[in-house]
Protein backbone atom coordinates (compact mmCIF):
# COMPACT_ATOMS: atom_id res chain seq x y z
CA UNK A 1 49.44 7.27 33.55
CA UNK A 2 46.04 7.69 34.70
CA UNK A 3 46.00 11.10 32.10
CA UNK A 4 47.16 8.72 29.39
CA UNK A 5 44.75 6.30 29.43
CA UNK A 6 42.16 9.51 29.43
CA UNK A 7 44.11 10.75 26.65
CA UNK A 8 43.95 7.71 24.57
CA UNK A 9 40.34 7.25 25.40
CA UNK A 10 39.70 10.47 23.85
CA UNK A 11 41.79 10.03 20.73
CA UNK A 12 39.52 7.29 20.01
CA UNK A 13 36.57 9.30 21.10
CA UNK A 14 37.45 11.39 18.51
CA UNK A 15 37.99 8.76 15.85
CA UNK A 16 34.78 7.16 16.28
CA UNK A 17 33.05 10.68 16.62
CA UNK A 18 35.29 11.29 13.18
CA UNK A 19 34.18 8.25 11.76
CA UNK A 20 30.21 8.89 12.48
CA UNK A 21 30.31 12.79 11.26
CA UNK A 22 31.63 11.40 7.54
CA UNK A 23 29.18 8.45 7.39
CA UNK A 24 26.33 11.21 8.52
CA UNK A 25 28.14 13.87 5.91
CA UNK A 26 27.88 10.79 3.04
CA UNK A 27 24.26 10.41 3.97
CA UNK A 28 23.81 13.78 3.51
CA UNK A 29 25.51 14.11 0.24
CA UNK A 30 22.81 10.93 -1.03
CA UNK A 31 20.19 12.41 0.18
CA UNK A 32 20.71 15.66 -1.14
CA UNK A 33 21.34 13.71 -4.80
CA UNK A 34 18.31 11.98 -4.83
CA UNK A 35 16.51 15.35 -3.32
CA UNK A 36 18.05 17.07 -6.58
CA UNK A 37 17.01 13.59 -8.75
CA UNK A 38 13.52 13.82 -7.28
CA UNK A 39 13.58 17.80 -8.30
CA UNK A 40 14.77 17.16 -11.65
CA UNK A 41 11.80 14.17 -12.44
CA UNK A 42 9.13 16.44 -11.36
CA UNK A 43 10.53 19.62 -12.73
CA UNK A 44 10.55 16.65 -16.34
CA UNK A 45 6.71 15.98 -15.44
CA UNK A 46 5.18 19.50 -15.14
CA UNK A 47 7.42 20.39 -18.10
CA UNK A 48 5.42 17.06 -19.85
CA UNK A 49 1.62 18.15 -18.54
CA UNK A 50 2.36 21.46 -19.89
CA UNK A 51 3.07 20.47 -23.27
CA UNK A 52 0.62 17.46 -23.25
CA UNK A 53 -2.40 19.77 -22.27
CA UNK A 54 -1.37 22.68 -24.71
CA UNK A 55 -0.58 19.74 -27.70
CA UNK A 56 -4.40 18.24 -26.34
CA UNK A 57 -6.52 21.98 -26.59
CA UNK A 58 -4.17 21.78 -30.10
CA UNK A 59 -5.45 18.52 -31.25
CA UNK A 60 -8.94 19.25 -29.40
CA UNK A 61 -8.77 22.44 -31.80
CA UNK A 62 -8.10 20.85 -35.10
CA UNK A 63 -10.69 18.21 -34.62
CA UNK A 64 -12.89 20.31 -34.41
CA UNK A 65 -12.54 22.20 -37.80
CA UNK A 66 -12.21 18.63 -39.39
CA UNK A 67 -15.47 17.95 -38.09
CA UNK A 68 -14.95 16.11 -34.85
CA UNK A 69 -16.00 17.14 -31.16
CA UNK A 70 -16.20 15.38 -28.24
CA UNK A 71 -19.16 15.35 -25.57
CA UNK A 72 -18.57 13.90 -21.63
CA UNK A 73 -21.99 12.38 -20.45
CA UNK A 74 -22.53 13.76 -17.73
CA UNK A 75 -24.67 10.67 -16.02
CA UNK A 76 -22.94 7.41 -16.93
CA UNK A 77 -18.87 8.44 -18.05
CA UNK A 78 -19.62 7.48 -21.38
CA UNK A 79 -18.14 9.57 -24.08
CA UNK A 80 -20.05 10.50 -27.55
CA UNK A 81 -18.26 11.32 -30.99
CA UNK A 82 -20.06 13.94 -32.92
CA UNK A 83 -18.94 13.74 -36.61
CA UNK A 84 -19.73 17.14 -38.82
CA UNK A 85 -18.60 17.67 -42.41
CA UNK A 86 -19.57 14.46 -43.47
CA UNK A 87 -22.52 14.46 -45.45
CA UNK A 88 -22.00 17.00 -48.75
CA UNK A 89 -25.59 18.30 -48.84
CA UNK A 90 -25.65 19.23 -45.37
CA UNK A 91 -21.79 19.77 -43.63
CA UNK A 92 -23.17 20.65 -40.72
CA UNK A 93 -25.83 17.00 -40.04
CA UNK A 94 -24.47 15.64 -36.96
CA UNK A 95 -23.51 11.87 -37.06
CA UNK A 96 -23.07 10.58 -33.57
CA UNK A 97 -22.07 7.79 -31.79
CA UNK A 98 -21.23 6.97 -27.96
CA UNK A 99 -18.93 4.96 -26.82
CA UNK A 100 -18.69 3.15 -23.26
CA UNK A 101 -15.36 1.14 -20.99
CA UNK A 102 -17.42 -1.99 -19.61
CA UNK A 103 -16.51 -3.42 -16.17
CA UNK A 104 -14.17 -5.49 -17.78
CA UNK A 105 -13.02 -2.78 -19.17
CA UNK A 106 -13.88 -3.12 -22.28
CA UNK A 107 -14.46 -0.68 -25.08
CA UNK A 108 -18.70 -0.60 -26.61
CA UNK A 109 -20.79 1.35 -28.66
CA UNK A 110 -24.45 2.35 -27.15
CA UNK A 111 -25.94 4.41 -28.76
CA UNK A 112 -25.60 5.46 -32.49
CA UNK A 113 -26.81 7.92 -34.91
CA UNK A 114 -27.84 7.50 -37.51
CA UNK A 115 -28.05 3.90 -36.90
CA UNK A 116 -24.90 1.94 -38.42
CA UNK A 117 -24.74 -1.87 -39.44
CA UNK A 118 -23.98 -3.85 -36.25
CA UNK A 119 -21.78 -5.93 -37.95
CA UNK A 120 -19.34 -2.92 -38.93
CA UNK A 121 -19.32 -1.22 -35.79
CA UNK A 122 -18.82 -4.77 -33.93
CA UNK A 123 -15.85 -5.38 -36.33
CA UNK A 124 -14.35 -2.15 -35.05
CA UNK A 125 -15.25 -2.34 -31.88
CA UNK A 126 -13.18 -5.78 -31.68
CA UNK A 127 -10.42 -4.28 -33.19
CA UNK A 128 -10.51 -1.63 -30.45
CA UNK A 129 -9.86 -3.98 -28.07
CA UNK A 130 -7.86 -5.82 -29.04
CA UNK A 131 -5.36 -2.94 -30.30
CA UNK A 132 -6.36 -0.09 -28.71
CA UNK A 133 -6.30 2.24 -32.26
CA UNK A 134 -8.19 4.86 -31.45
CA UNK A 135 -7.10 6.90 -34.65
CA UNK A 136 -8.21 3.41 -36.64
CA UNK A 137 -11.43 3.25 -34.98
CA UNK A 138 -12.29 6.90 -35.15
CA UNK A 139 -11.17 6.37 -39.43
CA UNK A 140 -13.23 3.43 -39.32
CA UNK A 141 -16.61 5.03 -37.60
CA UNK A 142 -16.19 8.19 -39.87
CA UNK A 143 -16.49 5.91 -43.08
CA UNK A 144 -19.17 3.97 -42.33
CA UNK A 145 -20.97 6.73 -41.98
CA UNK A 146 -19.99 8.35 -45.20
CA UNK A 147 -20.88 4.91 -46.48
CA UNK A 148 -24.33 5.28 -45.07
CA UNK A 149 -25.57 8.31 -46.79
CA UNK A 150 -24.00 7.13 -50.25
CA UNK A 151 -26.70 3.61 -49.57
């Protein structure tokens, strides 16, 4: 009788161990699946970064070819935009402005050379702050510089 009780207890213990083993195997399977998802996600992000850096480099070279260059100000964190190929009499003449982000996360044009009409610049900056449409803003600034030499 004692042996039968011990045998029954061992069968019960075996059942419990088997349940724990199955639960552990399921947890392991889920963990491996999550790890694989994370690995694939990381791989996609890394590939996207490569494409992004390559695209940015190509874009930057194209902008320069079209007469637009960017210079980061060391001390203020502002970004200077420099246009060339605007003045038909001097295609290398530089037209530039510096844009900065305020503490309120708004864009502001700090310097402009040659100076442009404040109303034109403010209208473009207001639109940029409202829409964050950078291409529109840059085209508008370029157009304003073009109009400044025709005055």
